[in-house]
Amino acid sequence: MPLTKQEKCFFDVFGYLSFPGLFAGEAEALTQAFEAVWTAHGGGHNQRPHDHQQNSALLPFIDHHPYLCALLDDERVERIGAGLLGEDFNYMSSDGNYFVGDTVWHSDGYQRAPGYRSIKLALYLDPLGHDSGCLRVVPGSHRIGEAYAEEVHETIATSGSNRTEENWGIPGTDVPAVVLEVQPGDLIAFNHRIKHASFGGGTSRRMFTINLQQRFRDEDEELLRECVASLAGFWYDRVYAPLMVESAGPERMRHLEQRLAYADHLPDLVAKARQKMSEPNRF
């Protein structure tokens, strides 16, 4: 069933949608696949066991497991992507995470690729509550160019929760926000530009994301190449892992082919990033 007119309007205005229980029936299988990918990649960040001191991140993520690759073919993912981005949306990337402690207020690219909407589909594998690391969002903070969103961005985007105390006299935990408690198998979709955070979590909260974006117009080739270039800090020199492409049918390829065609510069950028960085990005 396509997204409703009301769901699309809600997302446009507030910047997020919550889908409780959307993958509840598959939560165990998703968790097993999640752990299998991490095991195959050393158990944590940069091929080392997760140390419970810092976030561990792996990008790409779903590309490394056939069950997770197939999520791009799932009608639930398809209807969210098509409903919010159009039927020809691009699969940007995915990431798997073991989160540790607080995640301060931020956006996932507030000013990147102006004119193109990109979204994150976050799938949760652990119960998370108000004080145990669930997602919080500031509704409407994704609306780039509008006074409210710009003021929020200037206050908390680059320096985390410290500036909320300086400018508003409150800690990051007290920023007015919607608190989205989750159970395993819940999915939350949100605009990459929305301000979001989490507080009070443990040392190995499991979540993976699927990132989708509107298809680029031909005249915006350079903007697309810049968007692909943002992957370099994760030290993976292909836009997708081989399994994602090799197992793709025609419908999935529709969501892969544009970024595949504009990723020839990525290997050189990754090589330069490896020279400058001691480890890949942790987000």
Protein backbone atom coordinates (compact mmCIF):
# COMPACT_ATOMS: atom_id res chain seq x y z
CA MET A 1 0.00 0.00 0.00
CA PRO A 2 1.48 3.41 -0.97
CA LEU A 3 2.09 6.08 1.63
CA THR A 4 -1.01 8.10 2.31
CA LYS A 5 -1.42 11.77 1.46
CA GLN A 6 -1.43 12.47 5.19
CA GLU A 7 1.85 10.60 5.75
CA LYS A 8 3.55 12.50 2.95
CA CYS A 9 2.26 15.82 4.30
CA PHE A 10 3.41 14.96 7.84
CA PHE A 11 6.89 14.14 6.54
CA ASP A 12 7.08 17.33 4.51
CA VAL A 13 6.17 19.50 7.51
CA PHE A 14 7.82 17.67 10.41
CA GLY A 15 10.63 15.71 8.72
CA TYR A 16 10.07 12.19 10.02
CA LEU A 17 7.70 9.20 10.08
CA SER A 18 7.59 6.35 12.57
CA PHE A 19 6.59 2.79 11.56
CA PRO A 20 6.26 0.76 14.79
CA GLY A 21 6.50 -2.99 14.22
CA LEU A 22 7.04 -2.70 10.48
CA PHE A 23 9.73 -5.42 10.58
CA ALA A 24 8.80 -6.97 13.93
CA GLY A 25 8.23 -10.36 12.33
CA GLU A 26 11.75 -10.29 10.89
CA ALA A 27 13.51 -8.79 13.93
CA GLU A 28 15.34 -11.99 14.84
CA ALA A 29 16.46 -12.66 11.28
CA LEU A 30 17.61 -9.06 10.88
CA THR A 31 19.57 -9.29 14.13
CA GLN A 32 21.26 -12.51 13.05
CA ALA A 33 22.26 -10.97 9.73
CA PHE A 34 23.46 -7.80 11.48
CA GLU A 35 25.72 -9.79 13.78
CA ALA A 36 26.97 -11.94 10.90
CA VAL A 37 28.14 -8.87 8.99
CA TRP A 38 29.97 -7.52 12.02
CA THR A 39 31.60 -10.91 12.69
CA ALA A 40 32.84 -11.00 9.11
CA HIS A 41 34.36 -7.53 9.60
CA GLY A 42 36.26 -8.08 12.82
CA GLY A 43 33.44 -7.43 15.27
CA GLY A 44 33.74 -3.65 15.44
CA HIS A 45 35.22 -0.49 14.01
CA ASN A 46 38.01 -0.75 11.45
CA GLN A 47 38.21 -4.56 11.64
CA ARG A 48 38.74 -4.55 15.41
CA PRO A 49 36.41 -5.88 18.15
CA HIS A 50 33.90 -3.36 19.44
CA ASP A 51 35.50 -1.80 22.53
CA HIS A 52 32.33 -0.35 24.14
CA GLN A 53 34.16 2.98 24.47
CA GLN A 54 33.41 4.55 21.09
CA ASN A 55 30.84 4.04 18.36
CA SER A 56 31.62 1.33 15.83
CA ALA A 57 30.45 2.05 12.29
CA LEU A 58 30.60 0.12 9.03
CA LEU A 59 29.67 1.53 5.63
CA PRO A 60 28.41 0.03 3.38
CA PHE A 61 26.53 -2.42 5.56
CA ILE A 62 23.49 -4.17 4.10
CA ASP A 63 25.52 -4.74 0.91
CA HIS A 64 27.52 -7.49 2.64
CA HIS A 65 24.67 -9.92 3.38
CA PRO A 66 22.16 -11.43 0.91
CA TYR A 67 19.23 -11.14 3.33
CA LEU A 68 19.97 -7.49 4.03
CA CYS A 69 20.61 -6.69 0.35
CA ALA A 70 17.11 -7.92 -0.36
CA LEU A 71 15.62 -5.22 1.86
CA LEU A 72 15.99 -2.92 -1.15
CA ASP A 73 13.54 -5.21 -2.94
CA ASP A 74 11.07 -5.28 -0.06
CA GLU A 75 7.77 -3.57 -0.83
CA ARG A 76 7.81 -1.80 2.55
CA VAL A 77 11.12 -0.10 1.78
CA GLU A 78 10.04 0.51 -1.79
CA ARG A 79 6.81 2.25 -0.79
CA ILE A 80 8.55 4.56 1.68
CA GLY A 81 11.26 5.45 -0.82
CA ALA A 82 8.85 5.93 -3.71
CA GLY A 83 6.36 7.83 -1.57
CA LEU A 84 8.90 10.35 -0.28
CA LEU A 85 11.41 10.53 -3.15
CA GLY A 86 9.73 9.26 -6.31
CA GLU A 87 9.77 5.81 -7.88
CA ASP A 88 13.23 6.32 -9.42
CA PHE A 89 14.96 7.09 -6.10
CA ASN A 90 18.64 6.27 -5.60
CA TYR A 91 20.06 3.95 -2.96
CA MET A 92 22.79 6.12 -1.44
CA SER A 93 24.43 3.85 1.11
CA SER A 94 23.83 1.96 4.32
CA ASP A 95 25.61 1.83 7.64
CA GLY A 96 25.67 -0.52 10.60
CA ASN A 97 26.33 0.76 14.08
CA TYR A 98 27.11 -0.18 17.64
CA PHE A 99 26.36 3.11 19.38
CA VAL A 100 27.98 4.09 22.68
CA GLY A 101 26.52 6.65 25.09
CA ASP A 102 25.06 9.96 23.93
CA THR A 103 24.81 11.21 20.36
CA VAL A 104 24.68 15.00 20.42
CA TRP A 105 22.36 17.08 18.26
CA HIS A 106 23.30 17.10 14.58
CA SER A 107 22.07 16.73 11.01
CA ASP A 108 23.25 14.20 8.44
CA GLY A 109 24.20 16.83 5.87
CA TYR A 110 22.11 19.97 6.42
CA GLN A 111 23.35 21.85 3.36
CA ARG A 112 24.47 18.94 1.15
CA ALA A 113 22.90 18.55 -2.31
CA PRO A 114 20.48 21.50 -2.14
CA GLY A 115 17.31 20.85 -4.06
CA TYR A 116 17.41 17.09 -3.50
CA ARG A 117 15.74 15.28 -0.63
CA SER A 118 17.58 12.44 1.05
CA ILE A 119 16.25 10.26 3.85
CA LYS A 120 17.42 7.71 6.36
CA LEU A 121 15.50 4.53 7.16
CA ALA A 122 16.70 3.49 10.61
CA LEU A 123 15.97 -0.08 11.71
CA TYR A 124 16.34 -0.79 15.42
CA LEU A 125 17.33 -4.13 16.93
CA ASP A 126 17.11 -3.29 20.66
CA PRO A 127 14.40 -1.76 22.86
CA LEU A 128 15.28 1.90 23.43
CA GLY A 129 13.48 4.37 25.65
CA HIS A 130 13.58 8.01 26.70
CA ASP A 131 16.62 7.52 28.94
CA SER A 132 18.24 4.58 27.16
CA GLY A 133 19.28 5.99 23.80
CA CYS A 134 16.22 6.24 21.60
CA LEU A 135 16.08 8.75 18.77
CA ARG A 136 14.93 12.32 19.42
CA VAL A 137 14.07 14.71 16.59
CA VAL A 138 13.32 18.44 16.42
CA PRO A 139 10.30 18.58 14.09
CA GLY A 140 10.61 21.10 11.27
CA SER A 141 14.35 21.61 11.73
CA HIS A 142 14.97 20.09 8.29
CA ARG A 143 13.35 22.97 6.43
CA ILE A 144 16.53 24.59 5.15
CA GLY A 145 16.21 28.30 4.41
CA GLU A 146 13.34 28.91 6.84
CA ALA A 147 14.07 31.13 9.84
CA TYR A 148 13.19 28.56 12.50
CA ALA A 149 15.30 25.77 10.97
CA GLU A 150 18.23 28.10 10.32
CA GLU A 151 18.25 29.37 13.91
CA VAL A 152 18.18 25.84 15.29
CA HIS A 153 20.98 24.90 12.90
CA GLU A 154 23.16 27.82 13.94
CA THR A 155 22.67 27.01 17.62
CA ILE A 156 23.29 23.28 17.79
CA ALA A 157 24.50 21.90 14.47
CA THR A 158 28.26 22.10 14.78
CA SER A 159 29.09 22.17 18.48
CA GLY A 160 26.69 19.65 19.98
CA SER A 161 24.78 20.14 23.20
CA ASN A 162 27.28 22.60 24.73
CA ARG A 163 25.83 25.47 22.71
CA THR A 164 22.31 24.73 23.89
CA GLU A 165 23.52 25.64 27.38
CA GLU A 166 25.29 28.74 26.10
CA ASN A 167 22.43 30.00 23.93
CA TRP A 168 19.31 28.59 25.55
CA GLY A 169 20.40 27.80 29.09
CA ILE A 170 19.47 24.12 28.86
CA PRO A 171 21.37 20.83 28.38
CA GLY A 172 20.94 18.89 25.18
CA THR A 173 18.54 16.52 26.93
CA ASP A 174 16.07 19.38 27.48
CA VAL A 175 15.84 20.57 23.89
CA PRO A 176 12.13 20.45 22.94
CA ALA A 177 11.89 17.37 20.76
CA VAL A 178 9.83 14.31 19.90
CA VAL A 179 11.16 11.22 21.70
CA LEU A 180 10.73 8.12 19.52
CA GLU A 181 10.92 5.04 21.73
CA VAL A 182 11.38 1.80 19.78
CA GLN A 183 11.20 -1.98 19.95
CA PRO A 184 13.14 -4.43 17.75
CA GLY A 185 11.80 -4.32 14.22
CA ASP A 186 10.59 -0.72 14.37
CA LEU A 187 11.58 1.59 11.53
CA ILE A 188 11.90 5.36 11.61
CA ALA A 189 12.28 7.38 8.43
CA PHE A 190 13.68 10.89 8.67
CA ASN A 191 15.01 13.65 6.48
CA HIS A 192 18.81 13.82 6.58
CA ARG A 193 18.58 17.53 7.43
CA ILE A 194 16.50 17.13 10.59
CA LYS A 195 18.26 17.74 13.92
CA HIS A 196 18.39 14.50 15.88
CA ALA A 197 20.15 13.09 18.94
CA SER A 198 20.00 10.36 21.59
CA PHE A 199 20.87 10.35 25.28
CA GLY A 200 21.44 7.83 28.03
CA GLY A 201 22.17 4.81 25.88
CA GLY A 202 24.33 1.81 26.67
CA THR A 203 27.57 0.80 25.02
CA SER A 204 26.44 -1.39 22.12
CA ARG A 205 23.09 -0.17 20.82
CA ARG A 206 22.41 -1.90 17.51
CA MET A 207 20.92 -0.03 14.59
CA PHE A 208 21.45 -0.04 10.85
CA THR A 209 20.25 2.38 8.23
CA ILE A 210 19.33 2.48 4.58
CA ASN A 211 19.93 5.89 3.00
CA LEU A 212 17.92 6.94 -0.04
CA GLN A 213 17.91 10.06 -2.21
CA GLN A 214 16.01 11.62 -5.06
CA ARG A 215 17.42 10.88 -8.50
CA PHE A 216 19.62 13.68 -9.85
CA ARG A 217 18.86 15.59 -13.00
CA ASP A 218 21.40 15.25 -15.80
CA GLU A 219 22.53 18.86 -15.43
CA ASP A 220 23.52 18.23 -11.80
CA GLU A 221 26.21 15.64 -12.52
CA GLU A 222 28.85 17.51 -10.50
CA LEU A 223 26.54 17.79 -7.50
CA LEU A 224 25.95 14.04 -7.66
CA ARG A 225 29.70 13.40 -7.84
CA GLU A 226 30.18 15.58 -4.74
CA CYS A 227 27.54 13.54 -2.95
CA VAL A 228 29.31 10.29 -3.85
CA ALA A 229 32.62 11.80 -2.74
CA SER A 230 31.25 12.17 0.82
CA LEU A 231 31.67 8.39 1.20
CA ALA A 232 35.47 8.57 1.00
CA GLY A 233 35.93 9.06 4.74
CA PHE A 234 34.59 5.57 5.34
CA TRP A 235 37.48 4.02 3.38
CA TYR A 236 35.40 1.96 0.98
CA ASP A 237 36.34 2.65 -2.62
CA ARG A 238 33.16 1.42 -4.27
CA VAL A 239 29.79 3.06 -4.09
CA TYR A 240 28.29 -0.40 -3.35
CA ALA A 241 29.77 -3.73 -2.28
CA PRO A 242 29.86 -6.34 -5.07
CA LEU A 243 27.09 -8.52 -3.60
CA MET A 244 24.58 -5.67 -3.77
CA VAL A 245 25.14 -5.28 -7.50
CA GLU A 246 25.64 -8.93 -8.42
CA SER A 247 22.40 -10.00 -6.74
CA ALA A 248 20.34 -7.14 -8.17
CA GLY A 249 17.39 -7.64 -10.47
CA PRO A 250 16.08 -4.94 -12.82
CA GLU A 251 13.99 -3.20 -10.15
CA ARG A 252 16.90 -2.89 -7.73
CA MET A 253 19.27 -1.78 -10.48
CA ARG A 254 16.98 1.17 -11.14
CA HIS A 255 18.01 2.43 -7.68
CA LEU A 256 21.74 1.69 -8.19
CA GLU A 257 22.65 2.60 -11.74
CA GLN A 258 22.95 6.38 -11.45
CA ARG A 259 25.43 6.41 -8.58
CA LEU A 260 27.37 3.52 -10.14
CA ALA A 261 27.82 5.65 -13.24
CA TYR A 262 29.31 8.57 -11.30
CA ALA A 263 31.66 6.88 -8.81
CA ASP A 264 34.88 6.57 -10.82
CA HIS A 265 36.57 9.26 -8.67
CA LEU A 266 35.91 7.44 -5.38
CA PRO A 267 39.02 5.16 -5.28
CA ASP A 268 41.40 8.13 -5.53
CA LEU A 269 39.50 10.01 -2.83
CA VAL A 270 39.62 6.99 -0.52
CA ALA A 271 43.37 6.64 -1.06
CA LYS A 272 43.86 10.28 -0.06
CA ALA A 273 41.59 9.87 2.96
CA ARG A 274 43.63 6.88 4.16
CA GLN A 275 46.77 9.01 4.07
CA LYS A 276 45.20 11.73 6.22
CA MET A 277 43.07 9.73 8.65
CA SER A 278 44.09 7.24 11.35
CA GLU A 279 40.81 5.31 10.95
CA PRO A 280 37.59 5.53 8.95
CA ASN A 281 34.75 7.75 10.12
CA ARG A 282 32.67 6.67 13.10
CA PHE A 283 29.85 9.18 12.31
